[in-house]
């Protein structure tokens, strides 16, 4: 389960193979993967095969059930779902969608963006 330890957010991570066998387990604290996980053969092979997994948010969405429970998709922009936090502090994907919204509409009001994506 996702735990709050002081000011730290911790999620469990499991990299599995195609058959669901766990290749390596680790944790992520404040969006930083544990050293053991990053140095594992499974992680190195995964990121070599799919460099997009170097994006911590994409990686966590794929390999951490804790992360998916804590940050469920609750917004969508042009058919693409993402997690939108309650406050002003947002995860990187939400900010990227906001930047697209601003570029496409010319509107830089985050509250208006929030209304559009959470309908």
PDB file of N, CA and C in Angstrom:
ATOM      1  N   UNK A   1       0.840  -1.181   0.000  1.00  0.00           N
ATOM      2  CA  UNK A   1       0.000   0.000   0.000  1.00  0.00           C
ATOM      3  C   UNK A   1       0.882   1.240   0.000  1.00  0.00           C
ATOM      4  N   UNK A   2       0.364   2.310  -0.493  1.00  0.00           N
ATOM      5  CA  UNK A   2       1.096   3.566  -0.508  1.00  0.00           C
ATOM      6  C   UNK A   2       1.138   4.106   0.918  1.00  0.00           C
ATOM      7  N   UNK A   3       2.306   4.434   1.392  1.00  0.00           N
ATOM      8  CA  UNK A   3       2.458   4.904   2.764  1.00  0.00           C
ATOM      9  C   UNK A   3       3.019   6.310   2.763  1.00  0.00           C
ATOM     10  N   UNK A   4       2.630   7.064   3.763  1.00  0.00           N
ATOM     11  CA  UNK A   4       3.241   8.365   3.965  1.00  0.00           C
ATOM     12  C   UNK A   4       4.160   8.229   5.165  1.00  0.00           C
ATOM     13  N   UNK A   5       5.435   8.419   4.941  1.00  0.00           N
ATOM     14  CA  UNK A   5       6.442   8.316   5.990  1.00  0.00           C
ATOM     15  C   UNK A   5       7.053   9.695   6.160  1.00  0.00           C
ATOM     16  N   UNK A   6       6.591  10.427   7.146  1.00  0.00           N
ATOM     17  CA  UNK A   6       7.021  11.812   7.277  1.00  0.00           C
ATOM     18  C   UNK A   6       6.520  12.566   6.065  1.00  0.00           C
ATOM     19  N   UNK A   7       7.424  13.186   5.336  1.00  0.00           N
ATOM     20  CA  UNK A   7       7.056  13.893   4.107  1.00  0.00           C
ATOM     21  C   UNK A   7       7.315  13.049   2.865  1.00  0.00           C
ATOM     22  N   UNK A   8       7.531  11.747   3.042  1.00  0.00           N
ATOM     23  CA  UNK A   8       7.897  10.878   1.930  1.00  0.00           C
ATOM     24  C   UNK A   8       6.730  10.002   1.503  1.00  0.00           C
ATOM     25  N   UNK A   9       6.537   9.899   0.195  1.00  0.00           N
ATOM     26  CA  UNK A   9       5.520   9.008  -0.374  1.00  0.00           C
ATOM     27  C   UNK A   9       6.241   7.790  -0.947  1.00  0.00           C
ATOM     28  N   UNK A  10       5.804   6.623  -0.516  1.00  0.00           N
ATOM     29  CA  UNK A  10       6.437   5.381  -0.923  1.00  0.00           C
ATOM     30  C   UNK A  10       5.434   4.471  -1.617  1.00  0.00           C
ATOM     31  N   UNK A  11       5.835   3.911  -2.750  1.00  0.00           N
ATOM     32  CA  UNK A  11       5.016   2.937  -3.475  1.00  0.00           C
ATOM     33  C   UNK A  11       5.871   1.717  -3.789  1.00  0.00           C
ATOM     34  N   UNK A  12       5.243   0.545  -3.708  1.00  0.00           N
ATOM     35  CA  UNK A  12       5.920  -0.681  -4.129  1.00  0.00           C
ATOM     36  C   UNK A  12       5.893  -0.768  -5.649  1.00  0.00           C
ATOM     37  N   UNK A  13       6.927  -1.406  -6.194  1.00  0.00           N
ATOM     38  CA  UNK A  13       7.067  -1.578  -7.637  1.00  0.00           C
ATOM     39  C   UNK A  13       7.438  -3.031  -7.898  1.00  0.00           C
ATOM     40  N   UNK A  14       6.842  -3.618  -8.929  1.00  0.00           N
ATOM     41  CA  UNK A  14       7.197  -4.974  -9.346  1.00  0.00           C
ATOM     42  C   UNK A  14       7.304  -5.016 -10.863  1.00  0.00           C
ATOM     43  N   UNK A  15       8.463  -5.438 -11.349  1.00  0.00           N
ATOM     44  CA  UNK A  15       8.630  -5.659 -12.786  1.00  0.00           C
ATOM     45  C   UNK A  15       8.401  -7.145 -13.012  1.00  0.00           C
ATOM     46  N   UNK A  16       7.464  -7.445 -13.912  1.00  0.00           N
ATOM     47  CA  UNK A  16       7.122  -8.840 -14.194  1.00  0.00           C
ATOM     48  C   UNK A  16       7.425  -9.168 -15.652  1.00  0.00           C
ATOM     49  N   UNK A  17       7.509 -10.476 -15.937  1.00  0.00           N
ATOM     50  CA  UNK A  17       7.674 -10.897 -17.327  1.00  0.00           C
ATOM     51  C   UNK A  17       6.301 -11.091 -17.961  1.00  0.00           C
ATOM     52  N   UNK A  18       6.272 -11.577 -19.191  1.00  0.00           N
ATOM     53  CA  UNK A  18       5.014 -11.745 -19.924  1.00  0.00           C
ATOM     54  C   UNK A  18       4.066 -12.734 -19.247  1.00  0.00           C
ATOM     55  N   UNK A  19       4.597 -13.698 -18.504  1.00  0.00           N
ATOM     56  CA  UNK A  19       3.786 -14.694 -17.819  1.00  0.00           C
ATOM     57  C   UNK A  19       3.348 -14.236 -16.425  1.00  0.00           C
ATOM     58  N   UNK A  20       3.748 -13.046 -16.017  1.00  0.00           N
ATOM     59  CA  UNK A  20       3.376 -12.515 -14.715  1.00  0.00           C
ATOM     60  C   UNK A  20       4.347 -12.864 -13.597  1.00  0.00           C
ATOM     61  N   UNK A  21       5.446 -13.525 -13.927  1.00  0.00           N
ATOM     62  CA  UNK A  21       6.461 -13.860 -12.926  1.00  0.00           C
ATOM     63  C   UNK A  21       7.211 -12.584 -12.532  1.00  0.00           C
ATOM     64  N   UNK A  22       7.332 -12.369 -11.225  1.00  0.00           N
ATOM     65  CA  UNK A  22       8.025 -11.177 -10.728  1.00  0.00           C
ATOM     66  C   UNK A  22       9.529 -11.333 -10.954  1.00  0.00           C
ATOM     67  N   UNK A  23      10.094 -10.392 -11.703  1.00  0.00           N
ATOM     68  CA  UNK A  23      11.526 -10.403 -11.982  1.00  0.00           C
ATOM     69  C   UNK A  23      12.308  -9.632 -10.929  1.00  0.00           C
ATOM     70  N   UNK A  24      11.729  -8.526 -10.472  1.00  0.00           N
ATOM     71  CA  UNK A  24      12.388  -7.709  -9.456  1.00  0.00           C
ATOM     72  C   UNK A  24      11.333  -6.878  -8.729  1.00  0.00           C
ATOM     73  N   UNK A  25      11.549  -6.716  -7.432  1.00  0.00           N
ATOM     74  CA  UNK A  25      10.690  -5.864  -6.613  1.00  0.00           C
ATOM     75  C   UNK A  25      11.531  -4.715  -6.087  1.00  0.00           C
ATOM     76  N   UNK A  26      10.883  -3.603  -5.869  1.00  0.00           N
ATOM     77  CA  UNK A  26      11.586  -2.455  -5.319  1.00  0.00           C
ATOM     78  C   UNK A  26      10.585  -1.444  -4.813  1.00  0.00           C
ATOM     79  N   UNK A  27      11.066  -0.242  -4.612  1.00  0.00           N
ATOM     80  CA  UNK A  27      10.164   0.811  -4.161  1.00  0.00           C
ATOM     81  C   UNK A  27      10.538   2.129  -4.823  1.00  0.00           C
ATOM     82  N   UNK A  28       9.606   3.028  -4.738  1.00  0.00           N
ATOM     83  CA  UNK A  28       9.792   4.371  -5.255  1.00  0.00           C
ATOM     84  C   UNK A  28       9.445   5.325  -4.119  1.00  0.00           C
ATOM     85  N   UNK A  29      10.359   6.217  -3.804  1.00  0.00           N
ATOM     86  CA  UNK A  29      10.128   7.196  -2.750  1.00  0.00           C
ATOM     87  C   UNK A  29      10.228   8.579  -3.374  1.00  0.00           C
ATOM     88  N   UNK A  30       9.137   9.331  -3.273  1.00  0.00           N
ATOM     89  CA  UNK A  30       9.093  10.691  -3.832  1.00  0.00           C
ATOM     90  C   UNK A  30       9.545  10.728  -5.289  1.00  0.00           C
ATOM     91  N   UNK A  31       9.033   9.800  -6.090  1.00  0.00           N
ATOM     92  CA  UNK A  31       9.298   9.722  -7.532  1.00  0.00           C
ATOM     93  C   UNK A  31      10.750   9.373  -7.856  1.00  0.00           C
ATOM     94  N   UNK A  32      11.453   8.707  -6.922  1.00  0.00           N
ATOM     95  CA  UNK A  32      12.811   8.238  -7.166  1.00  0.00           C
ATOM     96  C   UNK A  32      12.836   6.739  -6.891  1.00  0.00           C
ATOM     97  N   UNK A  33      13.237   5.970  -7.906  1.00  0.00           N
ATOM     98  CA  UNK A  33      13.298   4.518  -7.754  1.00  0.00           C
ATOM     99  C   UNK A  33      14.490   4.118  -6.901  1.00  0.00           C
ATOM    100  N   UNK A  34      14.325   3.011  -6.164  1.00  0.00           N
ATOM    101  CA  UNK A  34      15.413   2.515  -5.323  1.00  0.00           C
ATOM    102  C   UNK A  34      16.609   2.107  -6.193  1.00  0.00           C
ATOM    103  N   UNK A  35      17.789   2.221  -5.646  1.00  0.00           N
ATOM    104  CA  UNK A  35      19.024   1.898  -6.364  1.00  0.00           C
ATOM    105  C   UNK A  35      19.030   0.446  -6.812  1.00  0.00           C
ATOM    106  N   UNK A  36      18.584  -0.467  -5.943  1.00  0.00           N
ATOM    107  CA  UNK A  36      18.556  -1.885  -6.307  1.00  0.00           C
ATOM    108  C   UNK A  36      17.698  -2.122  -7.540  1.00  0.00           C
ATOM    109  N   UNK A  37      16.582  -1.429  -7.616  1.00  0.00           N
ATOM    110  CA  UNK A  37      15.683  -1.581  -8.758  1.00  0.00           C
ATOM    111  C   UNK A  37      16.324  -1.039 -10.028  1.00  0.00           C
ATOM    112  N   UNK A  38      16.873   0.152  -9.952  1.00  0.00           N
ATOM    113  CA  UNK A  38      17.474   0.792 -11.129  1.00  0.00           C
ATOM    114  C   UNK A  38      18.686   0.011 -11.640  1.00  0.00           C
ATOM    115  N   UNK A  39      19.387  -0.656 -10.767  1.00  0.00           N
ATOM    116  CA  UNK A  39      20.578  -1.428 -11.168  1.00  0.00           C
ATOM    117  C   UNK A  39      20.235  -2.865 -11.574  1.00  0.00           C
ATOM    118  N   UNK A  40      18.986  -3.255 -11.420  1.00  0.00           N
ATOM    119  CA  UNK A  40      18.616  -4.645 -11.734  1.00  0.00           C
ATOM    120  C   UNK A  40      18.658  -4.883 -13.241  1.00  0.00           C
ATOM    121  N   UNK A  41      18.945  -6.122 -13.600  1.00  0.00           N
ATOM    122  CA  UNK A  41      18.990  -6.513 -15.009  1.00  0.00           C
ATOM    123  C   UNK A  41      17.623  -6.317 -15.661  1.00  0.00           C
ATOM    124  N   UNK A  42      16.557  -6.622 -14.926  1.00  0.00           N
ATOM    125  CA  UNK A  42      15.202  -6.488 -15.467  1.00  0.00           C
ATOM    126  C   UNK A  42      14.906  -5.035 -15.841  1.00  0.00           C
ATOM    127  N   UNK A  43      15.258  -4.087 -14.982  1.00  0.00           N
ATOM    128  CA  UNK A  43      15.015  -2.667 -15.258  1.00  0.00           C
ATOM    129  C   UNK A  43      15.869  -2.196 -16.437  1.00  0.00           C
ATOM    130  N   UNK A  44      17.122  -2.593 -16.452  1.00  0.00           N
ATOM    131  CA  UNK A  44      18.017  -2.173 -17.534  1.00  0.00           C
ATOM    132  C   UNK A  44      17.523  -2.690 -18.883  1.00  0.00           C
ATOM    133  N   UNK A  45      17.102  -3.956 -18.927  1.00  0.00           N
ATOM    134  CA  UNK A  45      16.584  -4.523 -20.170  1.00  0.00           C
ATOM    135  C   UNK A  45      15.276  -3.837 -20.581  1.00  0.00           C
ATOM    136  N   UNK A  46      14.420  -3.585 -19.606  1.00  0.00           N
ATOM    137  CA  UNK A  46      13.140  -2.937 -19.879  1.00  0.00           C
ATOM    138  C   UNK A  46      13.345  -1.557 -20.489  1.00  0.00           C
ATOM    139  N   UNK A  47      14.188  -0.745 -19.884  1.00  0.00           N
ATOM    140  CA  UNK A  47      14.388   0.627 -20.373  1.00  0.00           C
ATOM    141  C   UNK A  47      15.165   0.653 -21.688  1.00  0.00           C
ATOM    142  N   UNK A  48      15.963  -0.363 -21.929  1.00  0.00           N
ATOM    143  CA  UNK A  48      16.654  -0.438 -23.221  1.00  0.00           C
ATOM    144  C   UNK A  48      15.647  -0.792 -24.318  1.00  0.00           C
ATOM    145  N   UNK A  49      14.751  -1.718 -24.002  1.00  0.00           N
ATOM    146  CA  UNK A  49      13.721  -2.143 -24.951  1.00  0.00           C
ATOM    147  C   UNK A  49      12.683  -1.034 -25.188  1.00  0.00           C
ATOM    148  N   UNK A  50      12.345  -0.307 -24.126  1.00  0.00           N
ATOM    149  CA  UNK A  50      11.324   0.742 -24.199  1.00  0.00           C
ATOM    150  C   UNK A  50      11.805   1.991 -23.441  1.00  0.00           C
ATOM    151  N   UNK A  51      12.542   2.870 -24.119  1.00  0.00           N
ATOM    152  CA  UNK A  51      13.088   4.061 -23.458  1.00  0.00           C
ATOM    153  C   UNK A  51      12.025   4.970 -22.829  1.00  0.00           C
ATOM    154  N   UNK A  52      10.768   4.864 -23.248  1.00  0.00           N
ATOM    155  CA  UNK A  52       9.724   5.697 -22.646  1.00  0.00           C
ATOM    156  C   UNK A  52       9.525   5.354 -21.171  1.00  0.00           C
ATOM    157  N   UNK A  53       9.978   4.179 -20.748  1.00  0.00           N
ATOM    158  CA  UNK A  53       9.849   3.779 -19.346  1.00  0.00           C
ATOM    159  C   UNK A  53      10.800   4.542 -18.433  1.00  0.00           C
ATOM    160  N   UNK A  54      11.676   5.346 -19.008  1.00  0.00           N
ATOM    161  CA  UNK A  54      12.527   6.210 -18.192  1.00  0.00           C
ATOM    162  C   UNK A  54      11.723   7.360 -17.592  1.00  0.00           C
ATOM    163  N   UNK A  55      10.546   7.622 -18.154  1.00  0.00           N
ATOM    164  CA  UNK A  55       9.624   8.606 -17.584  1.00  0.00           C
ATOM    165  C   UNK A  55       9.019   7.984 -16.330  1.00  0.00           C
ATOM    166  N   UNK A  56       9.317   8.535 -15.168  1.00  0.00           N
ATOM    167  CA  UNK A  56       8.916   7.936 -13.892  1.00  0.00           C
ATOM    168  C   UNK A  56       7.403   7.761 -13.796  1.00  0.00           C
ATOM    169  N   UNK A  57       6.641   8.683 -14.329  1.00  0.00           N
ATOM    170  CA  UNK A  57       5.180   8.581 -14.230  1.00  0.00           C
ATOM    171  C   UNK A  57       4.639   7.450 -15.096  1.00  0.00           C
ATOM    172  N   UNK A  58       5.183   7.299 -16.289  1.00  0.00           N
ATOM    173  CA  UNK A  58       4.761   6.193 -17.152  1.00  0.00           C
ATOM    174  C   UNK A  58       5.186   4.862 -16.531  1.00  0.00           C
ATOM    175  N   UNK A  59       6.402   4.805 -16.013  1.00  0.00           N
ATOM    176  CA  UNK A  59       6.895   3.586 -15.380  1.00  0.00           C
ATOM    177  C   UNK A  59       6.026   3.194 -14.180  1.00  0.00           C
ATOM    178  N   UNK A  60       5.743   4.156 -13.322  1.00  0.00           N
ATOM    179  CA  UNK A  60       4.949   3.867 -12.127  1.00  0.00           C
ATOM    180  C   UNK A  60       3.522   3.465 -12.493  1.00  0.00           C
ATOM    181  N   UNK A  61       2.947   4.093 -13.487  1.00  0.00           N
ATOM    182  CA  UNK A  61       1.587   3.743 -13.921  1.00  0.00           C
ATOM    183  C   UNK A  61       1.551   2.289 -14.382  1.00  0.00           C
ATOM    184  N   UNK A  62       2.631   1.821 -14.987  1.00  0.00           N
ATOM    185  CA  UNK A  62       2.687   0.464 -15.526  1.00  0.00           C
ATOM    186  C   UNK A  62       3.061  -0.578 -14.478  1.00  0.00           C
ATOM    187  N   UNK A  63       4.005  -0.271 -13.586  1.00  0.00           N
ATOM    188  CA  UNK A  63       4.577  -1.294 -12.720  1.00  0.00           C
ATOM    189  C   UNK A  63       4.284  -1.143 -11.226  1.00  0.00           C
ATOM    190  N   UNK A  64       3.434  -0.200 -10.839  1.00  0.00           N
ATOM    191  CA  UNK A  64       3.118  -0.052  -9.421  1.00  0.00           C
ATOM    192  C   UNK A  64       1.606   0.003  -9.199  1.00  0.00           C
ATOM    193  N   UNK A  65       1.076  -1.070  -8.624  1.00  0.00           N
ATOM    194  CA  UNK A  65      -0.348  -1.090  -8.279  1.00  0.00           C
ATOM    195  C   UNK A  65      -0.638  -0.034  -7.216  1.00  0.00           C
ATOM    196  N   UNK A  66       0.301   0.188  -6.304  1.00  0.00           N
ATOM    197  CA  UNK A  66       0.137   1.231  -5.281  1.00  0.00           C
ATOM    198  C   UNK A  66      -0.089   2.592  -5.932  1.00  0.00           C
ATOM    199  N   UNK A  67       0.721   2.898  -6.924  1.00  0.00           N
ATOM    200  CA  UNK A  67       0.631   4.182  -7.613  1.00  0.00           C
ATOM    201  C   UNK A  67      -0.716   4.318  -8.327  1.00  0.00           C
ATOM    202  N   UNK A  68      -1.143   3.260  -9.005  1.00  0.00           N
ATOM    203  CA  UNK A  68      -2.422   3.311  -9.723  1.00  0.00           C
ATOM    204  C   UNK A  68      -3.595   3.500  -8.770  1.00  0.00           C
ATOM    205  N   UNK A  69      -3.522   2.891  -7.583  1.00  0.00           N
ATOM    206  CA  UNK A  69      -4.593   3.075  -6.591  1.00  0.00           C
ATOM    207  C   UNK A  69      -4.589   4.496  -6.036  1.00  0.00           C
ATOM    208  N   UNK A  70      -3.429   5.013  -5.760  1.00  0.00           N
ATOM    209  CA  UNK A  70      -3.310   6.346  -5.159  1.00  0.00           C
ATOM    210  C   UNK A  70      -3.652   7.459  -6.145  1.00  0.00           C
ATOM    211  N   UNK A  71      -3.287   7.256  -7.406  1.00  0.00           N
ATOM    212  CA  UNK A  71      -3.472   8.290  -8.424  1.00  0.00           C
ATOM    213  C   UNK A  71      -4.282   7.745  -9.610  1.00  0.00           C
ATOM    214  N   UNK A  72      -5.553   7.434  -9.395  1.00  0.00           N
ATOM    215  CA  UNK A  72      -6.373   6.888 -10.501  1.00  0.00           C
ATOM    216  C   UNK A  72      -6.654   7.957 -11.545  1.00  0.00           C
ATOM    217  N   UNK A  73      -6.825   7.522 -12.786  1.00  0.00           N
ATOM    218  CA  UNK A  73      -7.207   8.463 -13.839  1.00  0.00           C
ATOM    219  C   UNK A  73      -8.542   9.090 -13.464  1.00  0.00           C
ATOM    220  N   UNK A  74      -8.596  10.410 -13.480  1.00  0.00           N
ATOM    221  CA  UNK A  74      -9.820  11.122 -13.130  1.00  0.00           C
ATOM    222  C   UNK A  74     -10.101  12.297 -14.068  1.00  0.00           C
ATOM    223  N   UNK A  75      -9.350  12.359 -15.163  1.00  0.00           N
ATOM    224  CA  UNK A  75      -9.519  13.440 -16.132  1.00  0.00           C
ATOM    225  C   UNK A  75      -9.133  12.921 -17.515  1.00  0.00           C
ATOM    226  N   UNK A  76      -9.611  13.608 -18.532  1.00  0.00           N
ATOM    227  CA  UNK A  76      -9.259  13.233 -19.904  1.00  0.00           C
ATOM    228  C   UNK A  76      -9.213  14.485 -20.769  1.00  0.00           C
ATOM    229  N   UNK A  77      -8.248  14.506 -21.672  1.00  0.00           N
ATOM    230  CA  UNK A  77      -8.139  15.592 -22.633  1.00  0.00           C
ATOM    231  C   UNK A  77      -8.012  14.978 -24.020  1.00  0.00           C
ATOM    232  N   UNK A  78      -8.973  15.276 -24.868  1.00  0.00           N
ATOM    233  CA  UNK A  78      -9.009  14.743 -26.235  1.00  0.00           C
ATOM    234  C   UNK A  78      -8.864  13.223 -26.251  1.00  0.00           C
ATOM    235  N   UNK A  79      -9.576  12.572 -25.349  1.00  0.00           N
ATOM    236  CA  UNK A  79      -9.611  11.113 -25.308  1.00  0.00           C
ATOM    237  C   UNK A  79      -8.454  10.462 -24.578  1.00  0.00           C
ATOM    238  N   UNK A  80      -7.516  11.230 -24.065  1.00  0.00           N
ATOM    239  CA  UNK A  80      -6.373  10.681 -23.340  1.00  0.00           C
ATOM    240  C   UNK A  80      -6.578  10.905 -21.844  1.00  0.00           C
ATOM    241  N   UNK A  81      -6.590   9.813 -21.082  1.00  0.00           N
ATOM    242  CA  UNK A  81      -6.841   9.886 -19.644  1.00  0.00           C
ATOM    243  C   UNK A  81      -5.567  10.155 -18.860  1.00  0.00           C
ATOM    244  N   UNK A  82      -5.732  10.835 -17.719  1.00  0.00           N
ATOM    245  CA  UNK A  82      -4.604  11.120 -16.845  1.00  0.00           C
ATOM    246  C   UNK A  82      -5.123  11.437 -15.452  1.00  0.00           C
ATOM    247  N   UNK A  83      -4.212  11.541 -14.495  1.00  0.00           N
ATOM    248  CA  UNK A  83      -4.556  11.892 -13.114  1.00  0.00           C
ATOM    249  C   UNK A  83      -4.402  13.394 -12.942  1.00  0.00           C
ATOM    250  N   UNK A  84      -5.444  14.020 -12.396  1.00  0.00           N
ATOM    251  CA  UNK A  84      -5.426  15.448 -12.094  1.00  0.00           C
ATOM    252  C   UNK A  84      -5.537  15.599 -10.583  1.00  0.00           C
ATOM    253  N   UNK A  85      -4.512  16.158  -9.961  1.00  0.00           N
ATOM    254  CA  UNK A  85      -4.500  16.337  -8.508  1.00  0.00           C
ATOM    255  C   UNK A  85      -5.475  17.434  -8.101  1.00  0.00           C
ATOM    256  N   UNK A  86      -5.848  17.433  -6.818  1.00  0.00           N
ATOM    257  CA  UNK A  86      -6.817  18.407  -6.306  1.00  0.00           C
ATOM    258  C   UNK A  86      -6.284  19.838  -6.299  1.00  0.00           C
ATOM    259  N   UNK A  87      -5.030  20.006  -5.940  1.00  0.00           N
ATOM    260  CA  UNK A  87      -4.483  21.352  -5.773  1.00  0.00           C
ATOM    261  C   UNK A  87      -3.739  21.856  -6.989  1.00  0.00           C
ATOM    262  N   UNK A  88      -2.908  22.843  -6.762  1.00  0.00           N
ATOM    263  CA  UNK A  88      -2.109  23.443  -7.839  1.00  0.00           C
ATOM    264  C   UNK A  88      -0.901  22.585  -8.197  1.00  0.00           C
ATOM    265  N   UNK A  89      -0.371  21.820  -7.238  1.00  0.00           N
ATOM    266  CA  UNK A  89       0.782  20.956  -7.513  1.00  0.00           C
ATOM    267  C   UNK A  89       0.302  19.746  -8.304  1.00  0.00           C
ATOM    268  N   UNK A  90       0.828  19.600  -9.513  1.00  0.00           N
ATOM    269  CA  UNK A  90       0.383  18.557 -10.419  1.00  0.00           C
ATOM    270  C   UNK A  90       1.523  17.644 -10.835  1.00  0.00           C
ATOM    271  N   UNK A  91       1.169  16.411 -11.194  1.00  0.00           N
ATOM    272  CA  UNK A  91       2.131  15.497 -11.799  1.00  0.00           C
ATOM    273  C   UNK A  91       2.481  15.995 -13.199  1.00  0.00           C
ATOM    274  N   UNK A  92       3.595  15.573 -13.686  1.00  0.00           N
ATOM    275  CA  UNK A  92       4.072  15.993 -14.997  1.00  0.00           C
ATOM    276  C   UNK A  92       3.063  15.747 -16.125  1.00  0.00           C
ATOM    277  N   UNK A  93       2.400  14.577 -16.200  1.00  0.00           N
ATOM    278  CA  UNK A  93       1.447  14.381 -17.306  1.00  0.00           C
ATOM    279  C   UNK A  93       0.329  15.430 -17.329  1.00  0.00           C
ATOM    280  N   UNK A  94      -0.210  15.792 -16.188  1.00  0.00           N
ATOM    281  CA  UNK A  94      -1.278  16.799 -16.155  1.00  0.00           C
ATOM    282  C   UNK A  94      -0.758  18.136 -16.662  1.00  0.00           C
ATOM    283  N   UNK A  95       0.458  18.484 -16.307  1.00  0.00           N
ATOM    284  CA  UNK A  95       1.036  19.752 -16.770  1.00  0.00           C
ATOM    285  C   UNK A  95       1.280  19.733 -18.281  1.00  0.00           C
ATOM    286  N   UNK A  96       1.635  18.560 -18.810  1.00  0.00           N
ATOM    287  CA  UNK A  96       1.826  18.448 -20.259  1.00  0.00           C
ATOM    288  C   UNK A  96       0.501  18.640 -20.999  1.00  0.00           C
ATOM    289  N   UNK A  97      -0.575  18.058 -20.465  1.00  0.00           N
ATOM    290  CA  UNK A  97      -1.889  18.259 -21.087  1.00  0.00           C
ATOM    291  C   UNK A  97      -2.319  19.717 -20.974  1.00  0.00           C
ATOM    292  N   UNK A  98      -1.998  20.347 -19.859  1.00  0.00           N
ATOM    293  CA  UNK A  98      -2.330  21.763 -19.695  1.00  0.00           C
ATOM    294  C   UNK A  98      -1.590  22.609 -20.730  1.00  0.00           C
ATOM    295  N   UNK A  99      -0.328  22.286 -20.980  1.00  0.00           N
ATOM    296  CA  UNK A  99       0.449  23.018 -21.988  1.00  0.00           C
ATOM    297  C   UNK A  99      -0.172  22.847 -23.373  1.00  0.00           C
ATOM    298  N   UNK A 100      -0.619  21.638 -23.702  1.00  0.00           N
ATOM    299  CA  UNK A 100      -1.296  21.410 -24.986  1.00  0.00           C
ATOM    300  C   UNK A 100      -2.577  22.239 -25.063  1.00  0.00           C
ATOM    301  N   UNK A 101      -3.338  22.213 -23.971  1.00  0.00           N
ATOM    302  CA  UNK A 101      -4.585  22.980 -23.900  1.00  0.00           C
ATOM    303  C   UNK A 101      -4.316  24.470 -24.136  1.00  0.00           C
ATOM    304  N   UNK A 102      -3.298  25.014 -23.469  1.00  0.00           N
ATOM    305  CA  UNK A 102      -2.954  26.434 -23.633  1.00  0.00           C
ATOM    306  C   UNK A 102      -2.584  26.739 -25.076  1.00  0.00           C
ATOM    307  N   UNK A 103      -1.766  25.870 -25.667  1.00  0.00           N
ATOM    308  CA  UNK A 103      -1.323  26.098 -27.047  1.00  0.00           C
ATOM    309  C   UNK A 103      -2.499  26.041 -28.022  1.00  0.00           C
ATOM    310  N   UNK A 104      -3.426  25.147 -27.763  1.00  0.00           N
ATOM    311  CA  UNK A 104      -4.550  24.965 -28.688  1.00  0.00           C
ATOM    312  C   UNK A 104      -5.658  25.997 -28.500  1.00  0.00           C
ATOM    313  N   UNK A 105      -5.836  26.481 -27.275  1.00  0.00           N
ATOM    314  CA  UNK A 105      -6.954  27.388 -27.005  1.00  0.00           C
ATOM    315  C   UNK A 105      -6.522  28.826 -26.737  1.00  0.00           C
ATOM    316  N   UNK A 106      -5.262  29.015 -26.371  1.00  0.00           N
ATOM    317  CA  UNK A 106      -4.800  30.340 -25.982  1.00  0.00           C
ATOM    318  C   UNK A 106      -5.217  30.707 -24.570  1.00  0.00           C
ATOM    319  N   UNK A 107      -5.854  29.791 -23.864  1.00  0.00           N
ATOM    320  CA  UNK A 107      -6.341  30.031 -22.507  1.00  0.00           C
ATOM    321  C   UNK A 107      -5.333  29.451 -21.511  1.00  0.00           C
ATOM    322  N   UNK A 108      -4.760  30.292 -20.653  1.00  0.00           N
ATOM    323  CA  UNK A 108      -3.790  29.798 -19.674  1.00  0.00           C
ATOM    324  C   UNK A 108      -4.372  29.757 -18.258  1.00  0.00           C
ATOM    325  N   UNK A 109      -5.682  29.653 -18.158  1.00  0.00           N
ATOM    326  CA  UNK A 109      -6.364  29.574 -16.863  1.00  0.00           C
ATOM    327  C   UNK A 109      -6.490  28.105 -16.455  1.00  0.00           C
ATOM    328  N   UNK A 110      -5.750  27.706 -15.420  1.00  0.00           N
ATOM    329  CA  UNK A 110      -5.752  26.304 -15.003  1.00  0.00           C
ATOM    330  C   UNK A 110      -7.119  25.862 -14.500  1.00  0.00           C
ATOM    331  N   UNK A 111      -7.854  26.737 -13.844  1.00  0.00           N
ATOM    332  CA  UNK A 111      -9.185  26.368 -13.355  1.00  0.00           C
ATOM    333  C   UNK A 111     -10.138  26.071 -14.515  1.00  0.00           C
ATOM    334  N   UNK A 112     -10.021  26.803 -15.599  1.00  0.00           N
ATOM    335  CA  UNK A 112     -10.832  26.516 -16.794  1.00  0.00           C
ATOM    336  C   UNK A 112     -10.436  25.171 -17.392  1.00  0.00           C
ATOM    337  N   UNK A 113      -9.136  24.913 -17.441  1.00  0.00           N
ATOM    338  CA  UNK A 113      -8.633  23.621 -17.920  1.00  0.00           C
ATOM    339  C   UNK A 113      -9.214  22.491 -17.075  1.00  0.00           C
ATOM    340  N   UNK A 114      -9.200  22.668 -15.774  1.00  0.00           N
ATOM    341  CA  UNK A 114      -9.733  21.659 -14.846  1.00  0.00           C
ATOM    342  C   UNK A 114     -11.202  21.359 -15.170  1.00  0.00           C
ATOM    343  N   UNK A 115     -11.973  22.398 -15.447  1.00  0.00           N
ATOM    344  CA  UNK A 115     -13.398  22.206 -15.788  1.00  0.00           C
ATOM    345  C   UNK A 115     -13.555  21.411 -17.080  1.00  0.00           C
ATOM    346  N   UNK A 116     -12.719  21.716 -18.056  1.00  0.00           N
ATOM    347  CA  UNK A 116     -12.806  21.052 -19.359  1.00  0.00           C
ATOM    348  C   UNK A 116     -12.459  19.564 -19.244  1.00  0.00           C
ATOM    349  N   UNK A 117     -11.423  19.244 -18.511  1.00  0.00           N
ATOM    350  CA  UNK A 117     -10.935  17.855 -18.495  1.00  0.00           C
ATOM    351  C   UNK A 117     -11.653  16.961 -17.487  1.00  0.00           C
ATOM    352  N   UNK A 118     -12.407  17.530 -16.571  1.00  0.00           N
ATOM    353  CA  UNK A 118     -13.082  16.704 -15.570  1.00  0.00           C
ATOM    354  C   UNK A 118     -14.588  16.586 -15.802  1.00  0.00           C
ATOM    355  N   UNK A 119     -15.074  16.961 -16.977  1.00  0.00           N
ATOM    356  CA  UNK A 119     -16.502  16.866 -17.282  1.00  0.00           C
ATOM    357  C   UNK A 119     -16.972  15.430 -17.242  1.00  0.00           C
TER     358      UNK A 119
END
